[in-house]
């Protein structure tokens, strides 16, 4: 993994990337410009925060997979399960590439796909079959493709161009941190029954996605209410003299 990461860094460094300054940009943005842009845009903030909080459960999948394999005395099964997640993610990414959702719907797709990643994981709470669990995790991974694709689309569309790199970095940093926290948390709960662990891991993205979807709908209704209120106000009558 370290070797592949190093090779990727070298290849990225030699890519012929063109440096283009955003229209109207006066210089390099401040270190806090990206954070201010996220706070100023409530839809963007909702997407970034939800995608981070919803990563607590998926971040723990490698741990519960290993514990499930150990419980069934089949150590190599954890590798098969994680491979299934990766293959599912690849298929989901190909689907998103072929049929991406319209940009305005990307924030909602993030929330729905988050729910999709959590629902199959709940199967682990009711099954004792490793093949069934492997298929369920593959289905969970499938939703990672649309989730990541929609997340990148939403960040790109909602971020001001001059601070877009900062916004992406903030979002990625929060996701990685949340995933690590989820891994650590479920590790501390290793003595808890495996079914309970799968419930925790699966319910986290489901609850986060549903809450995020509710917030997005609330934010979408506010401009409509504002327009309706403005149209309902009586226009001042002109006085003819």
C-alpha atoms as a PDB file:
ATOM      1  CA  UNK A   1       0.000   0.000   0.000  1.00  0.00           C
ATOM      2  CA  UNK A   2       2.842   2.371   0.858  1.00  0.00           C
ATOM      3  CA  UNK A   3       4.557   1.599  -2.446  1.00  0.00           C
ATOM      4  CA  UNK A   4       1.393   2.216  -4.449  1.00  0.00           C
ATOM      5  CA  UNK A   5       0.805   5.500  -2.629  1.00  0.00           C
ATOM      6  CA  UNK A   6       4.367   6.618  -3.376  1.00  0.00           C
ATOM      7  CA  UNK A   7       3.987   5.665  -7.039  1.00  0.00           C
ATOM      8  CA  UNK A   8       0.718   7.579  -7.213  1.00  0.00           C
ATOM      9  CA  UNK A   9       2.360  10.656  -5.713  1.00  0.00           C
ATOM     10  CA  UNK A  10       5.175  10.532  -8.289  1.00  0.00           C
ATOM     11  CA  UNK A  11       2.742  10.127 -11.185  1.00  0.00           C
ATOM     12  CA  UNK A  12       0.546  12.951  -9.892  1.00  0.00           C
ATOM     13  CA  UNK A  13       3.580  15.226  -9.621  1.00  0.00           C
ATOM     14  CA  UNK A  14       4.463  14.831 -13.310  1.00  0.00           C
ATOM     15  CA  UNK A  15       0.945  15.298 -14.681  1.00  0.00           C
ATOM     16  CA  UNK A  16       0.736  18.228 -17.141  1.00  0.00           C
ATOM     17  CA  UNK A  17      -1.713  20.272 -15.058  1.00  0.00           C
ATOM     18  CA  UNK A  18      -2.463  23.754 -16.349  1.00  0.00           C
ATOM     19  CA  UNK A  19      -2.566  26.504 -13.737  1.00  0.00           C
ATOM     20  CA  UNK A  20      -5.516  28.793 -14.370  1.00  0.00           C
ATOM     21  CA  UNK A  21      -6.546  31.718 -12.230  1.00  0.00           C
ATOM     22  CA  UNK A  22     -10.252  32.075 -11.532  1.00  0.00           C
ATOM     23  CA  UNK A  23     -12.003  35.014 -13.188  1.00  0.00           C
ATOM     24  CA  UNK A  24     -11.865  38.020 -10.917  1.00  0.00           C
ATOM     25  CA  UNK A  25      -9.346  36.428  -8.569  1.00  0.00           C
ATOM     26  CA  UNK A  26      -6.956  38.958  -7.057  1.00  0.00           C
ATOM     27  CA  UNK A  27      -4.458  36.543  -5.501  1.00  0.00           C
ATOM     28  CA  UNK A  28      -4.052  33.485  -3.377  1.00  0.00           C
ATOM     29  CA  UNK A  29      -7.000  33.006  -0.955  1.00  0.00           C
ATOM     30  CA  UNK A  30      -6.380  33.053   2.779  1.00  0.00           C
ATOM     31  CA  UNK A  31      -6.057  29.845   4.780  1.00  0.00           C
ATOM     32  CA  UNK A  32      -9.550  30.304   6.229  1.00  0.00           C
ATOM     33  CA  UNK A  33     -11.287  31.254   2.973  1.00  0.00           C
ATOM     34  CA  UNK A  34     -12.427  27.690   2.299  1.00  0.00           C
ATOM     35  CA  UNK A  35     -13.868  27.263   5.790  1.00  0.00           C
ATOM     36  CA  UNK A  36     -15.726  30.570   5.479  1.00  0.00           C
ATOM     37  CA  UNK A  37     -17.143  29.481   2.119  1.00  0.00           C
ATOM     38  CA  UNK A  38     -18.431  26.250   3.655  1.00  0.00           C
ATOM     39  CA  UNK A  39     -20.066  28.076   6.573  1.00  0.00           C
ATOM     40  CA  UNK A  40     -21.634  30.649   4.236  1.00  0.00           C
ATOM     41  CA  UNK A  41     -23.321  28.020   2.044  1.00  0.00           C
ATOM     42  CA  UNK A  42     -25.684  25.953   4.178  1.00  0.00           C
ATOM     43  CA  UNK A  43     -26.264  23.330   1.499  1.00  0.00           C
ATOM     44  CA  UNK A  44     -22.527  22.831   1.057  1.00  0.00           C
ATOM     45  CA  UNK A  45     -22.032  22.711   4.819  1.00  0.00           C
ATOM     46  CA  UNK A  46     -24.796  20.109   5.142  1.00  0.00           C
ATOM     47  CA  UNK A  47     -23.255  17.904   2.452  1.00  0.00           C
ATOM     48  CA  UNK A  48     -19.747  18.104   3.925  1.00  0.00           C
ATOM     49  CA  UNK A  49     -20.838  17.562   7.514  1.00  0.00           C
ATOM     50  CA  UNK A  50     -23.212  14.692   6.686  1.00  0.00           C
ATOM     51  CA  UNK A  51     -20.657  12.919   4.485  1.00  0.00           C
ATOM     52  CA  UNK A  52     -18.176  13.102   7.373  1.00  0.00           C
ATOM     53  CA  UNK A  53     -20.512  11.974  10.168  1.00  0.00           C
ATOM     54  CA  UNK A  54     -21.899   9.226   7.928  1.00  0.00           C
ATOM     55  CA  UNK A  55     -18.376   7.837   7.561  1.00  0.00           C
ATOM     56  CA  UNK A  56     -18.190   6.721  11.195  1.00  0.00           C
ATOM     57  CA  UNK A  57     -20.002   3.468  10.384  1.00  0.00           C
ATOM     58  CA  UNK A  58     -18.337   2.582   7.071  1.00  0.00           C
ATOM     59  CA  UNK A  59     -14.961   3.298   8.639  1.00  0.00           C
ATOM     60  CA  UNK A  60     -15.594   0.413  11.017  1.00  0.00           C
ATOM     61  CA  UNK A  61     -16.465  -2.134   8.298  1.00  0.00           C
ATOM     62  CA  UNK A  62     -12.940  -3.633   8.176  1.00  0.00           C
ATOM     63  CA  UNK A  63     -13.094  -4.255  11.932  1.00  0.00           C
ATOM     64  CA  UNK A  64     -16.516  -5.917  11.976  1.00  0.00           C
ATOM     65  CA  UNK A  65     -15.561  -7.956   8.926  1.00  0.00           C
ATOM     66  CA  UNK A  66     -12.485  -9.254  10.744  1.00  0.00           C
ATOM     67  CA  UNK A  67     -14.495  -9.982  13.884  1.00  0.00           C
ATOM     68  CA  UNK A  68     -17.149 -11.810  11.860  1.00  0.00           C
ATOM     69  CA  UNK A  69     -14.478 -13.926  10.171  1.00  0.00           C
ATOM     70  CA  UNK A  70     -12.922 -14.716  13.542  1.00  0.00           C
ATOM     71  CA  UNK A  71     -16.291 -15.658  15.019  1.00  0.00           C
ATOM     72  CA  UNK A  72     -16.779 -18.184  12.214  1.00  0.00           C
ATOM     73  CA  UNK A  73     -13.178 -19.466  12.447  1.00  0.00           C
ATOM     74  CA  UNK A  74     -12.485 -18.412   8.868  1.00  0.00           C
ATOM     75  CA  UNK A  75      -9.732 -15.789   8.999  1.00  0.00           C
ATOM     76  CA  UNK A  76      -9.397 -15.327   5.233  1.00  0.00           C
ATOM     77  CA  UNK A  77     -13.117 -14.476   4.954  1.00  0.00           C
ATOM     78  CA  UNK A  78     -12.417 -10.906   6.071  1.00  0.00           C
ATOM     79  CA  UNK A  79     -10.257 -10.431   2.982  1.00  0.00           C
ATOM     80  CA  UNK A  80     -13.039 -11.751   0.749  1.00  0.00           C
ATOM     81  CA  UNK A  81     -15.564  -9.433   2.386  1.00  0.00           C
ATOM     82  CA  UNK A  82     -13.401  -6.337   1.965  1.00  0.00           C
ATOM     83  CA  UNK A  83     -12.690  -7.326  -1.634  1.00  0.00           C
ATOM     84  CA  UNK A  84     -16.450  -7.584  -2.166  1.00  0.00           C
ATOM     85  CA  UNK A  85     -16.851  -4.028  -0.854  1.00  0.00           C
ATOM     86  CA  UNK A  86     -14.178  -2.824  -3.275  1.00  0.00           C
ATOM     87  CA  UNK A  87     -15.706  -4.645  -6.252  1.00  0.00           C
ATOM     88  CA  UNK A  88     -19.129  -3.249  -5.380  1.00  0.00           C
ATOM     89  CA  UNK A  89     -17.640   0.230  -5.195  1.00  0.00           C
ATOM     90  CA  UNK A  90     -16.056  -0.195  -8.625  1.00  0.00           C
ATOM     91  CA  UNK A  91     -19.366  -1.268 -10.172  1.00  0.00           C
ATOM     92  CA  UNK A  92     -21.171   1.618  -8.508  1.00  0.00           C
ATOM     93  CA  UNK A  93     -18.550   4.056  -9.787  1.00  0.00           C
ATOM     94  CA  UNK A  94     -18.945   2.721 -13.334  1.00  0.00           C
ATOM     95  CA  UNK A  95     -22.703   3.184 -13.071  1.00  0.00           C
ATOM     96  CA  UNK A  96     -22.274   6.772 -11.882  1.00  0.00           C
ATOM     97  CA  UNK A  97     -19.802   7.456 -14.691  1.00  0.00           C
ATOM     98  CA  UNK A  98     -22.245   6.134 -17.279  1.00  0.00           C
ATOM     99  CA  UNK A  99     -25.401   7.685 -15.801  1.00  0.00           C
ATOM    100  CA  UNK A 100     -24.564  10.527 -13.403  1.00  0.00           C
ATOM    101  CA  UNK A 101     -27.410  12.346 -11.696  1.00  0.00           C
ATOM    102  CA  UNK A 102     -28.082  15.979 -12.648  1.00  0.00           C
ATOM    103  CA  UNK A 103     -25.911  18.402 -10.696  1.00  0.00           C
ATOM    104  CA  UNK A 104     -28.814  20.045  -8.775  1.00  0.00           C
ATOM    105  CA  UNK A 105     -29.783  16.617  -7.401  1.00  0.00           C
ATOM    106  CA  UNK A 106     -26.264  15.691  -6.295  1.00  0.00           C
ATOM    107  CA  UNK A 107     -26.701  16.734  -2.615  1.00  0.00           C
ATOM    108  CA  UNK A 108     -29.830  14.582  -2.289  1.00  0.00           C
ATOM    109  CA  UNK A 109     -28.100  11.661  -4.033  1.00  0.00           C
ATOM    110  CA  UNK A 110     -25.324  11.882  -1.427  1.00  0.00           C
ATOM    111  CA  UNK A 111     -27.854  11.391   1.359  1.00  0.00           C
ATOM    112  CA  UNK A 112     -29.773   8.610  -0.399  1.00  0.00           C
ATOM    113  CA  UNK A 113     -26.593   6.748  -1.326  1.00  0.00           C
ATOM    114  CA  UNK A 114     -25.445   7.051   2.276  1.00  0.00           C
ATOM    115  CA  UNK A 115     -28.595   5.252   3.363  1.00  0.00           C
ATOM    116  CA  UNK A 116     -27.878   2.663   0.676  1.00  0.00           C
ATOM    117  CA  UNK A 117     -24.455   1.925   2.118  1.00  0.00           C
ATOM    118  CA  UNK A 118     -25.930   1.313   5.563  1.00  0.00           C
ATOM    119  CA  UNK A 119     -28.979  -0.815   4.799  1.00  0.00           C
ATOM    120  CA  UNK A 120     -27.141  -3.926   3.522  1.00  0.00           C
ATOM    121  CA  UNK A 121     -24.782  -3.841   6.515  1.00  0.00           C
ATOM    122  CA  UNK A 122     -27.756  -4.479   8.795  1.00  0.00           C
ATOM    123  CA  UNK A 123     -27.918  -7.983   7.311  1.00  0.00           C
ATOM    124  CA  UNK A 124     -24.890  -8.769   9.454  1.00  0.00           C
ATOM    125  CA  UNK A 125     -27.080  -8.457  12.542  1.00  0.00           C
ATOM    126  CA  UNK A 126     -29.416 -11.254  11.445  1.00  0.00           C
ATOM    127  CA  UNK A 127     -27.301 -13.706   9.454  1.00  0.00           C
ATOM    128  CA  UNK A 128     -24.688 -16.252  10.437  1.00  0.00           C
ATOM    129  CA  UNK A 129     -23.739 -17.014   6.832  1.00  0.00           C
ATOM    130  CA  UNK A 130     -20.449 -15.527   5.650  1.00  0.00           C
ATOM    131  CA  UNK A 131     -21.417 -15.798   1.936  1.00  0.00           C
ATOM    132  CA  UNK A 132     -24.646 -13.887   2.611  1.00  0.00           C
ATOM    133  CA  UNK A 133     -22.726 -11.261   4.566  1.00  0.00           C
ATOM    134  CA  UNK A 134     -20.190 -10.974   1.743  1.00  0.00           C
ATOM    135  CA  UNK A 135     -22.946 -10.311  -0.795  1.00  0.00           C
ATOM    136  CA  UNK A 136     -24.508  -7.739   1.548  1.00  0.00           C
ATOM    137  CA  UNK A 137     -21.207  -5.896   1.919  1.00  0.00           C
ATOM    138  CA  UNK A 138     -20.748  -5.940  -1.857  1.00  0.00           C
ATOM    139  CA  UNK A 139     -24.149  -4.260  -2.183  1.00  0.00           C
ATOM    140  CA  UNK A 140     -23.139  -1.738   0.461  1.00  0.00           C
ATOM    141  CA  UNK A 141     -19.977  -0.997  -1.509  1.00  0.00           C
ATOM    142  CA  UNK A 142     -22.018  -0.558  -4.690  1.00  0.00           C
ATOM    143  CA  UNK A 143     -23.636   2.563  -3.218  1.00  0.00           C
ATOM    144  CA  UNK A 144     -20.205   4.033  -2.491  1.00  0.00           C
ATOM    145  CA  UNK A 145     -19.818   4.764  -6.207  1.00  0.00           C
ATOM    146  CA  UNK A 146     -22.827   7.099  -6.493  1.00  0.00           C
ATOM    147  CA  UNK A 147     -22.051   8.480  -3.029  1.00  0.00           C
ATOM    148  CA  UNK A 148     -18.532   9.587  -3.932  1.00  0.00           C
ATOM    149  CA  UNK A 149     -19.526  10.741  -7.421  1.00  0.00           C
ATOM    150  CA  UNK A 150     -22.420  12.835  -6.124  1.00  0.00           C
ATOM    151  CA  UNK A 151     -20.294  14.182  -3.281  1.00  0.00           C
ATOM    152  CA  UNK A 152     -17.591  15.411  -5.667  1.00  0.00           C
ATOM    153  CA  UNK A 153     -20.234  16.870  -7.974  1.00  0.00           C
ATOM    154  CA  UNK A 154     -21.920  18.737  -5.114  1.00  0.00           C
ATOM    155  CA  UNK A 155     -18.632  20.081  -3.731  1.00  0.00           C
ATOM    156  CA  UNK A 156     -17.584  21.233  -7.176  1.00  0.00           C
ATOM    157  CA  UNK A 157     -20.892  22.940  -7.961  1.00  0.00           C
ATOM    158  CA  UNK A 158     -21.388  24.610  -4.577  1.00  0.00           C
ATOM    159  CA  UNK A 159     -17.815  25.758  -3.927  1.00  0.00           C
ATOM    160  CA  UNK A 160     -16.528  29.146  -5.143  1.00  0.00           C
ATOM    161  CA  UNK A 161     -13.907  28.455  -7.767  1.00  0.00           C
ATOM    162  CA  UNK A 162     -11.104  30.326  -6.017  1.00  0.00           C
ATOM    163  CA  UNK A 163     -11.400  28.200  -2.836  1.00  0.00           C
ATOM    164  CA  UNK A 164     -12.555  24.930  -4.368  1.00  0.00           C
ATOM    165  CA  UNK A 165      -9.309  23.128  -3.548  1.00  0.00           C
ATOM    166  CA  UNK A 166      -9.618  24.183   0.104  1.00  0.00           C
ATOM    167  CA  UNK A 167     -13.222  22.995   0.279  1.00  0.00           C
ATOM    168  CA  UNK A 168     -12.275  19.602  -1.155  1.00  0.00           C
ATOM    169  CA  UNK A 169      -9.410  19.320   1.315  1.00  0.00           C
ATOM    170  CA  UNK A 170     -11.665  20.190   4.246  1.00  0.00           C
ATOM    171  CA  UNK A 171     -14.267  17.642   3.171  1.00  0.00           C
ATOM    172  CA  UNK A 172     -11.702  14.893   2.594  1.00  0.00           C
ATOM    173  CA  UNK A 173      -9.960  15.606   5.900  1.00  0.00           C
ATOM    174  CA  UNK A 174     -13.197  15.419   7.864  1.00  0.00           C
ATOM    175  CA  UNK A 175     -14.165  12.131   6.157  1.00  0.00           C
ATOM    176  CA  UNK A 176     -10.806  10.500   6.867  1.00  0.00           C
ATOM    177  CA  UNK A 177     -10.892  11.654  10.479  1.00  0.00           C
ATOM    178  CA  UNK A 178     -14.438  10.349  10.949  1.00  0.00           C
ATOM    179  CA  UNK A 179     -13.558   6.989   9.384  1.00  0.00           C
ATOM    180  CA  UNK A 180     -10.590   6.635  11.727  1.00  0.00           C
ATOM    181  CA  UNK A 181     -12.807   7.547  14.679  1.00  0.00           C
ATOM    182  CA  UNK A 182     -15.324   4.916  13.601  1.00  0.00           C
ATOM    183  CA  UNK A 183     -12.592   2.293  13.372  1.00  0.00           C
ATOM    184  CA  UNK A 184     -11.318   3.176  16.840  1.00  0.00           C
ATOM    185  CA  UNK A 185     -14.795   3.237  18.355  1.00  0.00           C
ATOM    186  CA  UNK A 186     -15.851  -0.160  17.066  1.00  0.00           C
ATOM    187  CA  UNK A 187     -12.484  -1.527  18.158  1.00  0.00           C
ATOM    188  CA  UNK A 188     -13.231  -0.423  21.697  1.00  0.00           C
ATOM    189  CA  UNK A 189     -16.593  -2.208  21.392  1.00  0.00           C
ATOM    190  CA  UNK A 190     -15.041  -5.477  20.226  1.00  0.00           C
ATOM    191  CA  UNK A 191     -16.471  -7.284  23.261  1.00  0.00           C
ATOM    192  CA  UNK A 192     -20.025  -6.221  22.342  1.00  0.00           C
ATOM    193  CA  UNK A 193     -22.098  -8.886  20.506  1.00  0.00           C
ATOM    194  CA  UNK A 194     -21.354  -8.916  16.782  1.00  0.00           C
ATOM    195  CA  UNK A 195     -25.010  -8.284  15.893  1.00  0.00           C
ATOM    196  CA  UNK A 196     -24.960  -5.055  17.906  1.00  0.00           C
ATOM    197  CA  UNK A 197     -21.786  -3.953  16.154  1.00  0.00           C
ATOM    198  CA  UNK A 198     -23.358  -4.465  12.740  1.00  0.00           C
ATOM    199  CA  UNK A 199     -26.402  -2.478  13.873  1.00  0.00           C
ATOM    200  CA  UNK A 200     -24.193   0.420  14.952  1.00  0.00           C
ATOM    201  CA  UNK A 201     -22.202   0.355  11.730  1.00  0.00           C
ATOM    202  CA  UNK A 202     -25.284   0.150   9.516  1.00  0.00           C
ATOM    203  CA  UNK A 203     -27.528   2.612  11.336  1.00  0.00           C
ATOM    204  CA  UNK A 204     -24.949   5.411  11.377  1.00  0.00           C
ATOM    205  CA  UNK A 205     -25.043   6.231   7.630  1.00  0.00           C
ATOM    206  CA  UNK A 206     -28.790   5.570   7.467  1.00  0.00           C
ATOM    207  CA  UNK A 207     -29.594   8.025  10.260  1.00  0.00           C
ATOM    208  CA  UNK A 208     -27.128  10.587   8.926  1.00  0.00           C
ATOM    209  CA  UNK A 209     -28.509  10.334   5.398  1.00  0.00           C
ATOM    210  CA  UNK A 210     -32.116  10.739   6.531  1.00  0.00           C
ATOM    211  CA  UNK A 211     -31.276  13.738   8.716  1.00  0.00           C
ATOM    212  CA  UNK A 212     -29.245  15.286   5.903  1.00  0.00           C
ATOM    213  CA  UNK A 213     -32.081  14.765   3.429  1.00  0.00           C
ATOM    214  CA  UNK A 214     -34.512  16.461   5.828  1.00  0.00           C
ATOM    215  CA  UNK A 215     -32.171  19.430   6.229  1.00  0.00           C
ATOM    216  CA  UNK A 216     -31.747  19.762   2.461  1.00  0.00           C
ATOM    217  CA  UNK A 217     -35.512  19.781   1.944  1.00  0.00           C
ATOM    218  CA  UNK A 218     -35.896  22.429   4.633  1.00  0.00           C
ATOM    219  CA  UNK A 219     -33.242  24.595   2.994  1.00  0.00           C
ATOM    220  CA  UNK A 220     -34.895  24.161  -0.410  1.00  0.00           C
ATOM    221  CA  UNK A 221     -38.268  25.308   0.947  1.00  0.00           C
ATOM    222  CA  UNK A 222     -36.935  28.570   2.411  1.00  0.00           C
ATOM    223  CA  UNK A 223     -36.316  30.361  -0.919  1.00  0.00           C
ATOM    224  CA  UNK A 224     -39.723  29.196  -2.169  1.00  0.00           C
ATOM    225  CA  UNK A 225     -41.398  30.603   0.948  1.00  0.00           C
ATOM    226  CA  UNK A 226     -39.472  33.846   0.583  1.00  0.00           C
ATOM    227  CA  UNK A 227     -40.588  34.205  -3.041  1.00  0.00           C
ATOM    228  CA  UNK A 228     -44.177  33.397  -2.117  1.00  0.00           C
ATOM    229  CA  UNK A 229     -44.097  36.005   0.655  1.00  0.00           C
ATOM    230  CA  UNK A 230     -42.681  38.639  -1.690  1.00  0.00           C
ATOM    231  CA  UNK A 231     -45.367  37.938  -4.286  1.00  0.00           C
ATOM    232  CA  UNK A 232     -48.093  38.163  -1.647  1.00  0.00           C
ATOM    233  CA  UNK A 233     -47.055  41.652  -0.518  1.00  0.00           C
ATOM    234  CA  UNK A 234     -49.374  44.338  -1.915  1.00  0.00           C
ATOM    235  CA  UNK A 235     -47.750  46.632  -4.403  1.00  0.00           C
ATOM    236  CA  UNK A 236     -47.950  50.337  -3.501  1.00  0.00           C
ATOM    237  CA  UNK A 237     -50.583  52.142  -5.575  1.00  0.00           C
ATOM    238  CA  UNK A 238     -49.337  54.852  -7.812  1.00  0.00           C
ATOM    239  CA  UNK A 239     -50.758  58.313  -7.133  1.00  0.00           C
ATOM    240  CA  UNK A 240     -51.851  60.263 -10.165  1.00  0.00           C
ATOM    241  CA  UNK A 241     -51.822  64.007  -9.759  1.00  0.00           C
END
